[in-house]
Amino acid sequence: MNAEPGFAPNVLAAECPSRQVLKHLTSQWGVLVLLALQEGTLRFSALRRRVGGVSERMLAQTLQVLEGDGLIRRTAHQVVPPHVDYALTPLGQEAALRVAALTGWIEENLPAFLGTRT
């Protein structure tokens, strides 16, 4: 995604590629994966246990998309049996801090949110 001269990212513009990153980063599973990996490197099965309710298929898709955006690093170990680890990249660590602030705010204000529901 090379920026052309004079190109200014604008998430509000329909054609801006930042919208895809926003979509991946703020999806339910994307946020939860980033939060889980803040604690450190995890194997697929441990990550699935940590992110309650995610299916294998959805977790695999989410990891693939976040890896494609440069937020997650996938490391395949050539051992028997083979296994794969997932960790945040520096960009992913920064993103995780930002979504953690939002999710922390949501948890702090959950009683207010629930109080408005009828």
N, C-alpha and C. Protein backbone atom coordinates (compact mmCIF):
# COMPACT_ATOMS: atom_id res chain seq x y z
N MET A 1 0.85 -1.16 0.00
CA MET A 1 0.00 0.00 0.00
C MET A 1 0.90 1.22 0.00
N ASN A 2 1.46 1.56 -1.12
CA ASN A 2 2.31 2.73 -1.24
C ASN A 2 1.45 3.96 -1.43
N ALA A 3 1.78 4.99 -0.67
CA ALA A 3 1.04 6.24 -0.79
C ALA A 3 1.59 7.04 -1.96
N GLU A 4 0.69 7.57 -2.75
CA GLU A 4 1.07 8.42 -3.87
C GLU A 4 1.43 9.79 -3.31
N PRO A 5 2.26 10.54 -4.04
CA PRO A 5 2.57 11.90 -3.60
C PRO A 5 1.28 12.70 -3.42
N GLY A 6 1.18 13.38 -2.31
CA GLY A 6 -0.01 14.18 -2.04
C GLY A 6 -1.16 13.39 -1.44
N PHE A 7 -0.98 12.07 -1.29
CA PHE A 7 -2.04 11.23 -0.70
C PHE A 7 -2.08 11.46 0.80
N ALA A 8 -3.23 11.79 1.32
CA ALA A 8 -3.40 11.97 2.76
C ALA A 8 -4.42 10.95 3.25
N PRO A 9 -4.01 10.05 4.12
CA PRO A 9 -4.96 9.07 4.65
C PRO A 9 -6.16 9.77 5.29
N ASN A 10 -7.34 9.23 5.02
CA ASN A 10 -8.58 9.79 5.56
C ASN A 10 -9.57 8.65 5.74
N VAL A 11 -9.72 8.19 6.95
CA VAL A 11 -10.59 7.04 7.23
C VAL A 11 -12.05 7.33 6.88
N LEU A 12 -12.42 8.59 6.78
CA LEU A 12 -13.80 8.93 6.42
C LEU A 12 -14.04 8.84 4.92
N ALA A 13 -12.98 8.78 4.13
CA ALA A 13 -13.13 8.67 2.68
C ALA A 13 -13.33 7.21 2.30
N ALA A 14 -14.35 6.94 1.52
CA ALA A 14 -14.72 5.57 1.16
C ALA A 14 -13.58 4.80 0.50
N GLU A 15 -12.76 5.46 -0.29
CA GLU A 15 -11.71 4.78 -1.04
C GLU A 15 -10.40 4.63 -0.26
N CYS A 16 -10.31 5.18 0.92
CA CYS A 16 -9.05 5.14 1.67
C CYS A 16 -8.79 3.73 2.22
N PRO A 17 -7.60 3.18 1.98
CA PRO A 17 -7.27 1.84 2.48
C PRO A 17 -7.23 1.74 4.01
N SER A 18 -7.22 2.87 4.68
CA SER A 18 -7.24 2.84 6.14
C SER A 18 -8.52 2.21 6.67
N ARG A 19 -9.57 2.24 5.86
CA ARG A 19 -10.84 1.64 6.30
C ARG A 19 -10.72 0.13 6.50
N GLN A 20 -9.95 -0.53 5.66
CA GLN A 20 -9.76 -1.98 5.81
C GLN A 20 -9.02 -2.29 7.10
N VAL A 21 -7.98 -1.51 7.38
CA VAL A 21 -7.23 -1.72 8.63
C VAL A 21 -8.15 -1.47 9.82
N LEU A 22 -8.93 -0.41 9.76
CA LEU A 22 -9.88 -0.11 10.83
C LEU A 22 -10.86 -1.26 11.04
N LYS A 23 -11.36 -1.80 9.94
CA LYS A 23 -12.30 -2.92 10.01
C LYS A 23 -11.66 -4.13 10.69
N HIS A 24 -10.44 -4.45 10.31
CA HIS A 24 -9.75 -5.61 10.90
C HIS A 24 -9.42 -5.38 12.37
N LEU A 25 -8.92 -4.20 12.65
CA LEU A 25 -8.46 -3.88 14.00
C LEU A 25 -9.60 -3.79 15.00
N THR A 26 -10.75 -3.29 14.56
CA THR A 26 -11.85 -3.08 15.49
C THR A 26 -12.93 -4.15 15.42
N SER A 27 -12.67 -5.22 14.68
CA SER A 27 -13.65 -6.31 14.71
C SER A 27 -13.63 -6.92 16.11
N GLN A 28 -14.72 -7.54 16.48
CA GLN A 28 -14.81 -8.16 17.81
C GLN A 28 -13.62 -9.08 18.06
N TRP A 29 -13.35 -9.97 17.14
CA TRP A 29 -12.29 -10.95 17.35
C TRP A 29 -10.91 -10.31 17.23
N GLY A 30 -10.78 -9.32 16.36
CA GLY A 30 -9.50 -8.63 16.23
C GLY A 30 -9.09 -7.96 17.53
N VAL A 31 -10.02 -7.26 18.14
CA VAL A 31 -9.75 -6.60 19.43
C VAL A 31 -9.37 -7.63 20.48
N LEU A 32 -10.15 -8.71 20.58
CA LEU A 32 -9.90 -9.70 21.62
C LEU A 32 -8.57 -10.42 21.42
N VAL A 33 -8.20 -10.70 20.18
CA VAL A 33 -6.91 -11.34 19.90
C VAL A 33 -5.77 -10.40 20.30
N LEU A 34 -5.88 -9.12 19.95
CA LEU A 34 -4.85 -8.17 20.35
C LEU A 34 -4.71 -8.10 21.86
N LEU A 35 -5.82 -8.07 22.56
CA LEU A 35 -5.78 -8.02 24.03
C LEU A 35 -5.13 -9.28 24.61
N ALA A 36 -5.49 -10.44 24.08
CA ALA A 36 -4.94 -11.69 24.57
C ALA A 36 -3.43 -11.77 24.34
N LEU A 37 -2.98 -11.29 23.20
CA LEU A 37 -1.56 -11.37 22.87
C LEU A 37 -0.73 -10.30 23.58
N GLN A 38 -1.38 -9.35 24.23
CA GLN A 38 -0.65 -8.37 25.04
C GLN A 38 0.11 -9.06 26.16
N GLU A 39 -0.42 -10.18 26.60
CA GLU A 39 0.20 -10.92 27.71
C GLU A 39 1.42 -11.70 27.26
N GLY A 40 1.63 -11.82 25.96
CA GLY A 40 2.80 -12.52 25.46
C GLY A 40 2.44 -13.48 24.34
N THR A 41 3.46 -14.17 23.85
CA THR A 41 3.32 -15.13 22.76
C THR A 41 2.45 -16.31 23.18
N LEU A 42 1.56 -16.71 22.28
CA LEU A 42 0.68 -17.85 22.56
C LEU A 42 0.60 -18.76 21.34
N ARG A 43 0.43 -20.04 21.61
CA ARG A 43 0.11 -21.00 20.54
C ARG A 43 -1.37 -20.85 20.21
N PHE A 44 -1.74 -21.39 19.06
CA PHE A 44 -3.11 -21.28 18.57
C PHE A 44 -4.11 -21.80 19.61
N SER A 45 -3.86 -22.98 20.16
CA SER A 45 -4.84 -23.57 21.09
C SER A 45 -4.95 -22.75 22.37
N ALA A 46 -3.84 -22.22 22.86
CA ALA A 46 -3.88 -21.38 24.06
C ALA A 46 -4.61 -20.07 23.78
N LEU A 47 -4.39 -19.54 22.61
CA LEU A 47 -5.06 -18.31 22.21
C LEU A 47 -6.56 -18.53 22.09
N ARG A 48 -6.94 -19.67 21.55
CA ARG A 48 -8.37 -19.98 21.42
C ARG A 48 -9.02 -20.13 22.79
N ARG A 49 -8.32 -20.74 23.73
CA ARG A 49 -8.86 -20.86 25.09
C ARG A 49 -8.97 -19.48 25.75
N ARG A 50 -7.99 -18.62 25.48
CA ARG A 50 -7.95 -17.29 26.10
C ARG A 50 -9.08 -16.40 25.58
N VAL A 51 -9.40 -16.52 24.30
CA VAL A 51 -10.46 -15.71 23.68
C VAL A 51 -11.73 -16.54 23.67
N GLY A 52 -12.48 -16.46 24.73
CA GLY A 52 -13.68 -17.27 24.88
C GLY A 52 -14.69 -17.07 23.77
N GLY A 53 -15.22 -18.18 23.25
CA GLY A 53 -16.30 -18.13 22.28
C GLY A 53 -15.89 -18.09 20.83
N VAL A 54 -14.60 -17.97 20.54
CA VAL A 54 -14.17 -17.89 19.15
C VAL A 54 -14.02 -19.30 18.58
N SER A 55 -14.50 -19.50 17.35
CA SER A 55 -14.35 -20.80 16.70
C SER A 55 -12.94 -20.89 16.11
N GLU A 56 -12.51 -22.12 15.83
CA GLU A 56 -11.19 -22.32 15.21
C GLU A 56 -11.11 -21.57 13.88
N ARG A 57 -12.14 -21.68 13.10
CA ARG A 57 -12.15 -21.05 11.78
C ARG A 57 -12.05 -19.52 11.90
N MET A 58 -12.84 -18.94 12.79
CA MET A 58 -12.83 -17.48 12.94
C MET A 58 -11.49 -17.00 13.50
N LEU A 59 -10.93 -17.75 14.42
CA LEU A 59 -9.63 -17.37 14.98
C LEU A 59 -8.56 -17.43 13.89
N ALA A 60 -8.58 -18.48 13.10
CA ALA A 60 -7.60 -18.61 12.01
C ALA A 60 -7.73 -17.45 11.02
N GLN A 61 -8.95 -17.10 10.65
CA GLN A 61 -9.18 -15.99 9.72
C GLN A 61 -8.70 -14.67 10.33
N THR A 62 -9.03 -14.45 11.59
CA THR A 62 -8.64 -13.21 12.27
C THR A 62 -7.12 -13.09 12.34
N LEU A 63 -6.46 -14.18 12.71
CA LEU A 63 -5.00 -14.16 12.79
C LEU A 63 -4.38 -13.87 11.42
N GLN A 64 -4.93 -14.47 10.39
CA GLN A 64 -4.41 -14.27 9.04
C GLN A 64 -4.54 -12.81 8.61
N VAL A 65 -5.68 -12.20 8.90
CA VAL A 65 -5.91 -10.81 8.53
C VAL A 65 -4.99 -9.88 9.33
N LEU A 66 -4.89 -10.10 10.63
CA LEU A 66 -4.04 -9.25 11.45
C LEU A 66 -2.57 -9.41 11.10
N GLU A 67 -2.18 -10.62 10.71
CA GLU A 67 -0.81 -10.84 10.24
C GLU A 67 -0.59 -10.07 8.94
N GLY A 68 -1.56 -10.09 8.05
CA GLY A 68 -1.46 -9.37 6.79
C GLY A 68 -1.35 -7.86 6.98
N ASP A 69 -1.93 -7.35 8.05
CA ASP A 69 -1.85 -5.92 8.36
C ASP A 69 -0.58 -5.57 9.12
N GLY A 70 0.22 -6.58 9.45
CA GLY A 70 1.47 -6.32 10.15
C GLY A 70 1.34 -6.16 11.65
N LEU A 71 0.22 -6.62 12.21
CA LEU A 71 -0.03 -6.47 13.64
C LEU A 71 0.40 -7.69 14.44
N ILE A 72 0.46 -8.85 13.77
CA ILE A 72 0.80 -10.11 14.43
C ILE A 72 1.91 -10.80 13.66
N ARG A 73 2.79 -11.44 14.41
CA ARG A 73 3.87 -12.24 13.81
C ARG A 73 3.56 -13.72 14.09
N ARG A 74 3.59 -14.50 13.03
CA ARG A 74 3.35 -15.95 13.10
C ARG A 74 4.69 -16.64 12.95
N THR A 75 5.02 -17.51 13.91
CA THR A 75 6.28 -18.24 13.86
C THR A 75 5.98 -19.72 13.87
N ALA A 76 6.33 -20.41 12.78
CA ALA A 76 6.15 -21.86 12.68
C ALA A 76 7.45 -22.53 13.12
N HIS A 77 7.35 -23.42 14.08
CA HIS A 77 8.51 -24.14 14.60
C HIS A 77 8.60 -25.50 13.93
N GLN A 78 9.76 -25.81 13.40
CA GLN A 78 9.99 -27.07 12.70
C GLN A 78 10.41 -28.14 13.72
N VAL A 79 9.44 -28.57 14.51
CA VAL A 79 9.65 -29.61 15.51
C VAL A 79 8.58 -30.67 15.32
N VAL A 80 8.73 -31.76 16.03
CA VAL A 80 7.73 -32.83 15.96
C VAL A 80 7.08 -32.93 17.34
N PRO A 81 5.79 -32.76 17.45
CA PRO A 81 4.87 -32.29 16.41
C PRO A 81 5.07 -30.79 16.15
N PRO A 82 4.80 -30.35 14.92
CA PRO A 82 4.98 -28.94 14.60
C PRO A 82 4.01 -28.06 15.38
N HIS A 83 4.45 -26.87 15.71
CA HIS A 83 3.53 -25.92 16.32
C HIS A 83 3.85 -24.51 15.85
N VAL A 84 2.86 -23.63 16.06
CA VAL A 84 2.94 -22.24 15.60
C VAL A 84 2.67 -21.34 16.79
N ASP A 85 3.48 -20.29 16.90
CA ASP A 85 3.28 -19.27 17.93
C ASP A 85 2.82 -17.98 17.28
N TYR A 86 2.05 -17.21 18.03
CA TYR A 86 1.59 -15.91 17.57
C TYR A 86 2.00 -14.87 18.60
N ALA A 87 2.49 -13.73 18.11
CA ALA A 87 2.92 -12.64 18.98
C ALA A 87 2.60 -11.32 18.28
N LEU A 88 2.52 -10.27 19.08
CA LEU A 88 2.31 -8.95 18.52
C LEU A 88 3.61 -8.40 17.95
N THR A 89 3.51 -7.71 16.85
CA THR A 89 4.64 -6.95 16.31
C THR A 89 4.69 -5.63 17.08
N PRO A 90 5.72 -4.83 16.91
CA PRO A 90 5.72 -3.51 17.55
C PRO A 90 4.47 -2.68 17.18
N LEU A 91 4.05 -2.74 15.92
CA LEU A 91 2.84 -2.04 15.51
C LEU A 91 1.61 -2.63 16.22
N GLY A 92 1.58 -3.96 16.35
CA GLY A 92 0.50 -4.62 17.06
C GLY A 92 0.47 -4.28 18.53
N GLN A 93 1.64 -4.13 19.13
CA GLN A 93 1.71 -3.74 20.55
C GLN A 93 1.11 -2.35 20.75
N GLU A 94 1.43 -1.45 19.83
CA GLU A 94 0.86 -0.10 19.92
C GLU A 94 -0.65 -0.14 19.74
N ALA A 95 -1.12 -0.91 18.78
CA ALA A 95 -2.56 -1.04 18.55
C ALA A 95 -3.25 -1.66 19.76
N ALA A 96 -2.63 -2.67 20.36
CA ALA A 96 -3.22 -3.34 21.52
C ALA A 96 -3.36 -2.38 22.69
N LEU A 97 -2.38 -1.51 22.90
CA LEU A 97 -2.48 -0.51 23.97
C LEU A 97 -3.68 0.40 23.76
N ARG A 98 -3.91 0.75 22.52
CA ARG A 98 -5.01 1.66 22.21
C ARG A 98 -6.37 0.98 22.37
N VAL A 99 -6.50 -0.25 21.92
CA VAL A 99 -7.79 -0.93 22.10
C VAL A 99 -7.98 -1.32 23.56
N ALA A 100 -6.90 -1.56 24.28
CA ALA A 100 -7.02 -1.86 25.72
C ALA A 100 -7.57 -0.65 26.47
N ALA A 101 -7.17 0.55 26.06
CA ALA A 101 -7.71 1.76 26.68
C ALA A 101 -9.21 1.84 26.45
N LEU A 102 -9.65 1.54 25.23
CA LEU A 102 -11.08 1.58 24.92
C LEU A 102 -11.83 0.50 25.68
N THR A 103 -11.33 -0.72 25.67
CA THR A 103 -12.04 -1.80 26.36
C THR A 103 -12.04 -1.59 27.87
N GLY A 104 -10.97 -1.00 28.40
CA GLY A 104 -10.95 -0.67 29.83
C GLY A 104 -12.01 0.35 30.17
N TRP A 105 -12.16 1.34 29.31
CA TRP A 105 -13.18 2.37 29.52
C TRP A 105 -14.58 1.74 29.47
N ILE A 106 -14.79 0.82 28.53
CA ILE A 106 -16.08 0.14 28.42
C ILE A 106 -16.37 -0.63 29.71
N GLU A 107 -15.38 -1.38 30.21
CA GLU A 107 -15.58 -2.16 31.43
C GLU A 107 -15.86 -1.25 32.63
N GLU A 108 -15.15 -0.12 32.73
CA GLU A 108 -15.38 0.82 33.83
C GLU A 108 -16.79 1.40 33.80
N ASN A 109 -17.30 1.61 32.62
CA ASN A 109 -18.60 2.25 32.46
C ASN A 109 -19.73 1.27 32.17
N LEU A 110 -19.47 -0.01 32.30
CA LEU A 110 -20.49 -1.01 31.99
C LEU A 110 -21.78 -0.80 32.78
N PRO A 111 -21.72 -0.48 34.09
CA PRO A 111 -22.99 -0.25 34.80
C PRO A 111 -23.81 0.88 34.16
N ALA A 112 -23.16 1.92 33.69
CA ALA A 112 -23.90 3.02 33.05
C ALA A 112 -24.52 2.56 31.74
N PHE A 113 -23.77 1.77 30.97
CA PHE A 113 -24.31 1.25 29.72
C PHE A 113 -25.51 0.35 29.99
N LEU A 114 -25.38 -0.53 30.98
CA LEU A 114 -26.46 -1.46 31.28
C LEU A 114 -27.67 -0.73 31.87
N GLY A 115 -27.42 0.37 32.57
CA GLY A 115 -28.50 1.14 33.17
C GLY A 115 -29.37 1.85 32.17
N THR A 116 -28.86 2.06 30.97
CA THR A 116 -29.64 2.75 29.94
C THR A 116 -30.52 1.80 29.14
N ARG A 117 -30.32 0.52 29.30
CA ARG A 117 -31.10 -0.47 28.54
C ARG A 117 -32.45 -0.68 29.21
N THR A 118 -33.46 -0.87 28.38
CA THR A 118 -34.80 -1.12 28.93
C THR A 118 -35.26 -2.50 28.60
